[in-house]
Amino acid sequence: MNDYRAPWWLPGGNLQTIWPALLARRTRGPSPQYRRERWTTPDGDFLDVDWQTATPPSQGAGTQPLVVLFHGLEGSSRSHYAEAFAEVAARNGLAYAVPHFRGCSGELNLAPRAYHSGDHEEIGWILRRMREHHAGPLLAVGVSLGGNALMRWAGEQGEAASRLVGAVASVCSPLDLAAGGHAIGQGFNRLVYTTMFMRSMKPKALRKWAQHPGLFDREALLAARDLYEFDNIFTAPLHGFRGTEDYWQRASAKPHLARIRVPSLVLNARNDPFVPAQSLPRPGEVGKHVTVWQPEEGGHVGFPAGTWPVQVWTMPEAVTAWLLRAAGLDRAG
């Protein structure tokens, strides 16, 4: 992907982000079909896991490699990238699952918490459950927020990560949360992307307050206008952080990349409007187990390719192929 170039008629990071999310083809055929499982969490809450129902005829269920995708902020198994990864998994004879972070499956979770960018304990619990469910090799990919949390987990686990997964990848993740948080709060980003996220996140937070009255300052949240304020009022205090700055600093995966001991891919487009290029990890900031791809174009989880109206499975193809090679499976074509 380092030599990726977007179609000439989609110049710039914003077009390469928005067009793929809204208008690009995600699959060659019908949308993926999922079977949902509900898992009870250790704290008595729940999360929902969508398993792709297509079982390749040449593979026994439960023995082929399983790709586990951790979605981004307010994402789901129906996000454009999730459906594109599902397409690639099915085409390559791989099992595929999307665990939803709490509150992202269409039903509000029960506990006085939600999810956050550094939720590596939740990532670890999910992967352990996946290991119990599936006999074949596990490969994990995280997109945006999910990628930061996954890399944070890999850094925390060190050598132990390889007992659960063969390889991991992050896609367009804000590994320096402060840089990404400030970028999305300015100019066009604030007008478009911040507005989009807040339109989804604030109502959820208010429903959480109704579920647990007094959990946070409701009036302050109603007045919040950007993600910095939202995280300061809601995300940080609910998950044990002192405030936004403490959350962004402690949850960022970038300082932990050198501690990773499992094969890992870090893919970021240098024109991603959410993730400033100057904040991306440099070669000296990662260890020998981490491969860095930083193409000049691609936007935020965009990477449109092909003819009108473009498709978005080129990036999942490249990432899936890398995961299989890195894990010694070499099955993607």
Protein backbone atom coordinates (compact mmCIF):
# COMPACT_ATOMS: atom_id res chain seq x y z
CA MET A 1 0.00 0.00 0.00
CA ASN A 2 2.97 2.36 0.25
CA ASP A 3 2.61 3.10 -3.47
CA TYR A 4 -1.18 3.56 -3.31
CA ARG A 5 -2.60 6.43 -5.36
CA ALA A 6 -6.23 7.56 -5.35
CA PRO A 7 -8.20 8.09 -8.57
CA TRP A 8 -7.34 11.47 -10.08
CA TRP A 9 -10.89 12.74 -9.67
CA LEU A 10 -10.80 12.23 -5.87
CA PRO A 11 -8.03 14.62 -4.82
CA GLY A 12 -7.26 15.35 -1.18
CA GLY A 13 -7.84 13.63 2.12
CA ASN A 14 -11.40 14.81 2.66
CA LEU A 15 -12.76 13.53 -0.66
CA GLN A 16 -10.82 10.29 -0.17
CA THR A 17 -12.51 9.93 3.23
CA ILE A 18 -16.09 10.98 2.49
CA TRP A 19 -16.69 9.44 -0.94
CA PRO A 20 -15.63 5.90 0.05
CA ALA A 21 -17.72 5.98 3.21
CA LEU A 22 -20.88 7.09 1.42
CA LEU A 23 -20.76 6.05 -2.23
CA ALA A 24 -18.11 3.43 -2.98
CA ARG A 25 -18.82 -0.23 -3.61
CA ARG A 26 -18.02 -2.34 -0.54
CA THR A 27 -18.51 -5.81 -1.98
CA ARG A 28 -18.69 -7.44 -5.38
CA GLY A 29 -22.03 -9.04 -4.55
CA PRO A 30 -24.65 -8.85 -1.79
CA SER A 31 -23.86 -7.33 1.58
CA PRO A 32 -22.33 -9.72 4.11
CA GLN A 33 -24.74 -11.75 6.22
CA TYR A 34 -24.01 -12.02 9.93
CA ARG A 35 -25.01 -14.22 12.83
CA ARG A 36 -25.07 -12.31 16.10
CA GLU A 37 -23.92 -13.63 19.46
CA ARG A 38 -24.27 -11.79 22.75
CA TRP A 39 -21.47 -12.22 25.24
CA THR A 40 -21.79 -11.40 28.94
CA THR A 41 -18.81 -9.35 30.11
CA PRO A 42 -17.00 -9.89 33.43
CA ASP A 43 -18.75 -6.83 34.91
CA GLY A 44 -22.23 -8.14 34.07
CA ASP A 45 -22.68 -6.05 30.93
CA PHE A 46 -22.87 -7.39 27.37
CA LEU A 47 -21.33 -6.92 23.97
CA ASP A 48 -22.52 -8.23 20.62
CA VAL A 49 -20.35 -10.12 18.15
CA ASP A 50 -21.32 -10.47 14.49
CA TRP A 51 -19.95 -13.58 12.76
CA GLN A 52 -20.02 -13.76 9.01
CA THR A 53 -22.28 -16.67 8.13
CA ALA A 54 -20.55 -17.65 4.87
CA THR A 55 -18.48 -20.77 5.53
CA PRO A 56 -16.18 -21.55 2.61
CA PRO A 57 -16.96 -25.06 1.30
CA SER A 58 -13.29 -26.02 1.26
CA GLN A 59 -12.80 -25.20 4.94
CA GLY A 60 -14.11 -26.75 8.12
CA ALA A 61 -15.90 -24.27 10.34
CA GLY A 62 -13.73 -23.27 13.27
CA THR A 63 -10.42 -24.40 11.80
CA GLN A 64 -9.67 -21.79 9.14
CA PRO A 65 -7.94 -18.54 10.10
CA LEU A 66 -10.27 -16.07 11.79
CA VAL A 67 -10.02 -12.34 11.08
CA VAL A 68 -11.31 -10.29 14.02
CA LEU A 69 -12.09 -6.67 13.19
CA PHE A 70 -12.27 -3.97 15.86
CA HIS A 71 -14.27 -1.08 14.43
CA GLY A 72 -13.73 2.66 14.76
CA LEU A 73 -15.55 5.41 16.65
CA GLU A 74 -19.31 4.80 16.37
CA GLY A 75 -18.64 2.07 13.81
CA SER A 76 -20.20 -1.38 13.45
CA SER A 77 -20.20 -4.50 11.32
CA ARG A 78 -22.07 -2.42 8.71
CA SER A 79 -19.37 0.23 8.37
CA HIS A 80 -17.99 0.42 4.84
CA TYR A 81 -14.59 -0.94 5.84
CA ALA A 82 -16.14 -3.77 7.91
CA GLU A 83 -18.18 -4.99 4.95
CA ALA A 84 -15.15 -4.73 2.66
CA PHE A 85 -13.05 -6.81 5.07
CA ALA A 86 -15.91 -9.33 5.22
CA GLU A 87 -15.85 -9.58 1.42
CA VAL A 88 -12.11 -10.22 1.39
CA ALA A 89 -12.33 -12.76 4.21
CA ALA A 90 -15.04 -14.77 2.45
CA ARG A 91 -13.17 -14.67 -0.84
CA ASN A 92 -10.03 -16.05 0.81
CA GLY A 93 -11.66 -18.82 2.83
CA LEU A 94 -11.33 -17.04 6.18
CA ALA A 95 -13.72 -16.84 9.09
CA TYR A 96 -14.61 -13.29 10.08
CA ALA A 97 -16.05 -11.64 13.17
CA VAL A 98 -16.78 -8.07 14.28
CA PRO A 99 -17.09 -7.59 18.06
CA HIS A 100 -18.96 -4.37 18.77
CA PHE A 101 -17.66 -2.04 21.40
CA ARG A 102 -20.25 -1.43 24.09
CA GLY A 103 -23.23 0.54 22.84
CA CYS A 104 -22.29 0.23 19.15
CA SER A 105 -24.43 -2.75 18.13
CA GLY A 106 -27.71 -0.85 18.11
CA GLU A 107 -28.58 -1.41 21.77
CA LEU A 108 -27.37 0.62 24.74
CA ASN A 109 -25.14 -1.36 27.06
CA LEU A 110 -26.02 -1.74 30.74
CA ALA A 111 -22.98 -0.70 32.77
CA PRO A 112 -22.05 2.88 33.74
CA ARG A 113 -19.37 2.95 31.05
CA ALA A 114 -19.04 2.97 27.26
CA TYR A 115 -15.83 2.42 25.25
CA HIS A 116 -12.68 4.38 24.57
CA SER A 117 -9.54 4.53 22.43
CA GLY A 118 -7.29 2.85 24.97
CA ASP A 119 -9.64 0.05 26.00
CA HIS A 120 -6.92 -2.61 25.84
CA GLU A 121 -8.39 -4.64 28.70
CA GLU A 122 -11.60 -5.08 26.70
CA ILE A 123 -9.57 -5.99 23.60
CA GLY A 124 -7.73 -8.64 25.58
CA TRP A 125 -10.92 -10.13 27.00
CA ILE A 126 -12.51 -10.28 23.54
CA LEU A 127 -9.47 -11.98 22.00
CA ARG A 128 -9.34 -14.53 24.81
CA ARG A 129 -13.01 -15.33 24.18
CA MET A 130 -12.31 -15.59 20.45
CA ARG A 131 -9.49 -18.03 21.22
CA GLU A 132 -11.94 -20.15 23.22
CA HIS A 133 -14.51 -20.07 20.38
CA HIS A 134 -12.20 -20.77 17.46
CA ALA A 135 -9.70 -23.57 16.84
CA GLY A 136 -7.89 -21.93 13.93
CA PRO A 137 -5.34 -19.10 13.91
CA LEU A 138 -6.48 -15.62 14.97
CA LEU A 139 -5.61 -12.45 13.05
CA ALA A 140 -6.75 -9.09 14.41
CA VAL A 141 -7.21 -5.77 12.65
CA GLY A 142 -8.35 -2.51 14.23
CA VAL A 143 -9.66 0.48 12.34
CA SER A 144 -9.16 4.03 13.66
CA LEU A 145 -10.11 3.96 17.38
CA GLY A 146 -10.16 0.15 17.30
CA GLY A 147 -6.64 0.09 15.89
CA ASN A 148 -5.25 2.30 18.62
CA ALA A 149 -6.83 0.09 21.28
CA LEU A 150 -5.50 -3.05 19.56
CA MET A 151 -1.95 -1.69 19.34
CA ARG A 152 -2.21 -0.50 22.94
CA TRP A 153 -3.09 -4.10 23.86
CA ALA A 154 -0.21 -5.53 21.80
CA GLY A 155 2.21 -3.17 23.51
CA GLU A 156 0.93 -4.07 26.96
CA GLN A 157 1.11 -7.81 26.27
CA GLY A 158 4.56 -8.00 24.73
CA GLU A 159 5.57 -11.62 24.17
CA ALA A 160 2.25 -12.87 25.55
CA ALA A 161 0.29 -11.46 22.60
CA SER A 162 1.51 -14.25 20.33
CA ARG A 163 -0.30 -16.80 22.50
CA LEU A 164 -3.60 -15.35 21.21
CA VAL A 165 -2.91 -13.90 17.76
CA GLY A 166 -0.62 -14.63 14.84
CA ALA A 167 -0.48 -11.01 13.65
CA VAL A 168 -2.26 -7.69 14.14
CA ALA A 169 -2.81 -4.55 12.08
CA SER A 170 -4.05 -1.02 12.66
CA VAL A 171 -5.64 1.03 9.87
CA CYS A 172 -5.75 4.85 9.98
CA SER A 173 -5.49 4.87 13.75
CA PRO A 174 -4.78 8.05 15.72
CA LEU A 175 -1.88 6.53 17.64
CA ASP A 176 -1.14 9.97 19.10
CA LEU A 177 -4.59 10.80 20.43
CA ALA A 178 -3.77 14.38 21.35
CA ALA A 179 -2.62 15.17 17.81
CA GLY A 180 -5.70 13.53 16.33
CA GLY A 181 -8.06 15.06 18.85
CA HIS A 182 -6.82 18.59 18.20
CA ALA A 183 -6.89 18.04 14.42
CA ILE A 184 -10.51 16.94 14.34
CA GLY A 185 -11.52 19.93 16.43
CA GLN A 186 -10.39 22.54 13.92
CA GLY A 187 -11.69 24.09 10.68
CA PHE A 188 -13.42 21.84 8.17
CA ASN A 189 -12.87 18.83 10.41
CA ARG A 190 -14.78 20.48 13.24
CA LEU A 191 -17.58 21.57 10.93
CA VAL A 192 -18.09 18.17 9.27
CA TYR A 193 -16.57 15.26 11.20
CA THR A 194 -16.96 16.58 14.73
CA THR A 195 -20.58 17.46 13.99
CA MET A 196 -21.19 13.96 12.62
CA PHE A 197 -19.71 12.21 15.64
CA MET A 198 -21.39 14.47 18.17
CA ARG A 199 -24.77 13.89 16.51
CA SER A 200 -24.39 10.21 17.37
CA MET A 201 -22.46 10.31 20.63
CA LYS A 202 -24.36 12.94 22.60
CA PRO A 203 -27.76 11.20 22.41
CA LYS A 204 -26.12 7.94 23.50
CA ALA A 205 -24.48 9.67 26.42
CA LEU A 206 -27.80 11.22 27.45
CA ARG A 207 -29.43 7.81 27.35
CA LYS A 208 -26.60 6.55 29.53
CA TRP A 209 -27.32 9.36 32.00
CA ALA A 210 -31.01 8.38 32.04
CA GLN A 211 -29.92 4.82 32.75
CA HIS A 212 -27.57 5.97 35.54
CA PRO A 213 -28.77 9.40 36.78
CA GLY A 214 -25.97 11.65 38.01
CA LEU A 215 -23.26 9.66 36.21
CA PHE A 216 -21.80 12.86 34.73
CA ASP A 217 -22.65 16.56 34.37
CA ARG A 218 -25.64 16.41 32.05
CA GLU A 219 -25.88 20.16 31.49
CA ALA A 220 -22.20 20.40 30.62
CA LEU A 221 -22.59 17.60 28.10
CA LEU A 222 -25.56 19.32 26.49
CA ALA A 223 -23.34 22.37 26.00
CA ALA A 224 -20.34 20.39 24.63
CA ARG A 225 -19.43 21.30 21.07
CA ASP A 226 -16.40 19.18 20.29
CA LEU A 227 -14.74 15.88 21.14
CA TYR A 228 -12.34 17.49 23.61
CA GLU A 229 -15.26 18.70 25.71
CA PHE A 230 -17.16 15.43 25.25
CA ASP A 231 -14.17 13.38 26.39
CA ASN A 232 -13.61 15.69 29.36
CA ILE A 233 -17.21 15.36 30.54
CA PHE A 234 -18.05 11.79 29.55
CA THR A 235 -15.32 9.49 28.20
CA ALA A 236 -12.52 10.34 30.61
CA PRO A 237 -14.33 10.27 33.97
CA LEU A 238 -16.38 7.16 33.11
CA HIS A 239 -13.23 5.20 32.36
CA GLY A 240 -10.91 6.28 35.14
CA PHE A 241 -9.06 9.21 33.57
CA ARG A 242 -8.63 12.62 35.18
CA GLY A 243 -9.71 14.50 32.07
CA THR A 244 -9.20 14.70 28.31
CA GLU A 245 -5.46 15.38 28.41
CA ASP A 246 -4.86 12.49 30.81
CA TYR A 247 -7.05 10.21 28.68
CA TRP A 248 -5.34 11.11 25.43
CA GLN A 249 -1.87 10.74 26.94
CA ARG A 250 -2.44 7.41 28.73
CA ALA A 251 -4.55 5.80 26.01
CA SER A 252 -2.29 6.59 23.03
CA ALA A 253 -0.60 3.55 21.51
CA LYS A 254 2.32 5.40 19.89
CA PRO A 255 4.60 5.39 22.97
CA HIS A 256 4.08 1.62 23.30
CA LEU A 257 4.82 0.51 19.73
CA ALA A 258 8.43 -0.37 20.53
CA ARG A 259 7.20 -2.86 23.14
CA ILE A 260 5.23 -4.93 20.61
CA ARG A 261 6.52 -8.47 20.09
CA VAL A 262 3.89 -9.89 17.71
CA PRO A 263 4.00 -9.18 13.94
CA SER A 264 2.18 -5.86 13.53
CA LEU A 265 1.25 -3.59 10.65
CA VAL A 266 0.62 0.13 11.14
CA LEU A 267 -1.07 1.67 8.09
CA ASN A 268 -1.76 5.42 7.90
CA ALA A 269 -2.35 7.65 4.91
CA ARG A 270 -0.31 10.83 5.18
CA ASN A 271 -3.26 12.94 4.01
CA ASP A 272 -5.66 11.58 6.64
CA PRO A 273 -7.65 14.61 7.87
CA PHE A 274 -8.01 13.03 11.32
CA VAL A 275 -4.37 12.07 11.84
CA PRO A 276 -1.68 14.71 11.15
CA ALA A 277 1.24 13.29 9.16
CA GLN A 278 3.74 14.80 11.58
CA SER A 279 2.24 12.72 14.40
CA LEU A 280 2.77 9.38 12.64
CA PRO A 281 5.38 6.99 14.03
CA ARG A 282 8.84 7.21 12.52
CA PRO A 283 11.04 4.13 11.99
CA GLY A 284 12.99 4.78 15.18
CA GLU A 285 9.79 4.86 17.23
CA VAL A 286 8.73 1.28 16.48
CA GLY A 287 10.39 -2.04 17.14
CA LYS A 288 11.49 -4.71 14.68
CA HIS A 289 8.13 -6.47 14.93
CA VAL A 290 6.23 -3.47 13.53
CA THR A 291 5.87 -2.78 9.81
CA VAL A 292 4.89 0.78 8.89
CA TRP A 293 2.99 1.68 5.72
CA GLN A 294 2.46 5.40 5.13
CA PRO A 295 1.19 6.09 1.60
CA GLU A 296 0.81 9.72 0.61
CA GLU A 297 -2.90 9.30 -0.17
CA GLY A 298 -5.92 7.39 1.10
CA GLY A 299 -7.72 9.72 3.49
CA HIS A 300 -9.24 8.30 6.66
CA VAL A 301 -10.14 4.65 6.05
CA GLY A 302 -10.84 5.52 2.43
CA PHE A 303 -8.33 4.16 -0.10
CA PRO A 304 -10.77 4.30 -3.03
CA ALA A 305 -9.69 2.30 -6.07
CA GLY A 306 -10.91 1.24 -9.48
CA THR A 307 -13.42 2.77 -11.84
CA TRP A 308 -16.52 4.81 -11.06
CA PRO A 309 -17.95 4.84 -8.45
CA VAL A 310 -14.78 3.14 -7.02
CA GLN A 311 -14.50 0.29 -4.56
CA VAL A 312 -12.94 0.00 -1.10
CA TRP A 313 -11.69 -3.59 -0.90
CA THR A 314 -8.17 -2.90 -2.21
CA MET A 315 -6.96 -1.84 1.25
CA PRO A 316 -8.56 -4.83 3.06
CA GLU A 317 -7.00 -7.12 0.44
CA ALA A 318 -3.54 -5.71 1.11
CA VAL A 319 -3.93 -5.76 4.90
CA THR A 320 -5.37 -9.28 4.96
CA ALA A 321 -2.59 -10.56 2.70
CA TRP A 322 0.00 -8.98 5.00
CA LEU A 323 -1.58 -10.55 8.10
CA LEU A 324 -1.56 -13.99 6.51
CA ARG A 325 2.06 -13.69 5.40
CA ALA A 326 3.18 -12.34 8.76
CA ALA A 327 1.45 -15.20 10.56
CA GLY A 328 3.03 -17.75 8.22
CA LEU A 329 -0.28 -18.69 6.60
CA ASP A 330 0.18 -17.21 3.09
CA ARG A 331 -3.32 -17.81 1.83
CA ALA A 332 -4.63 -14.52 0.45
CA GLY A 333 -4.51 -14.00 -3.28
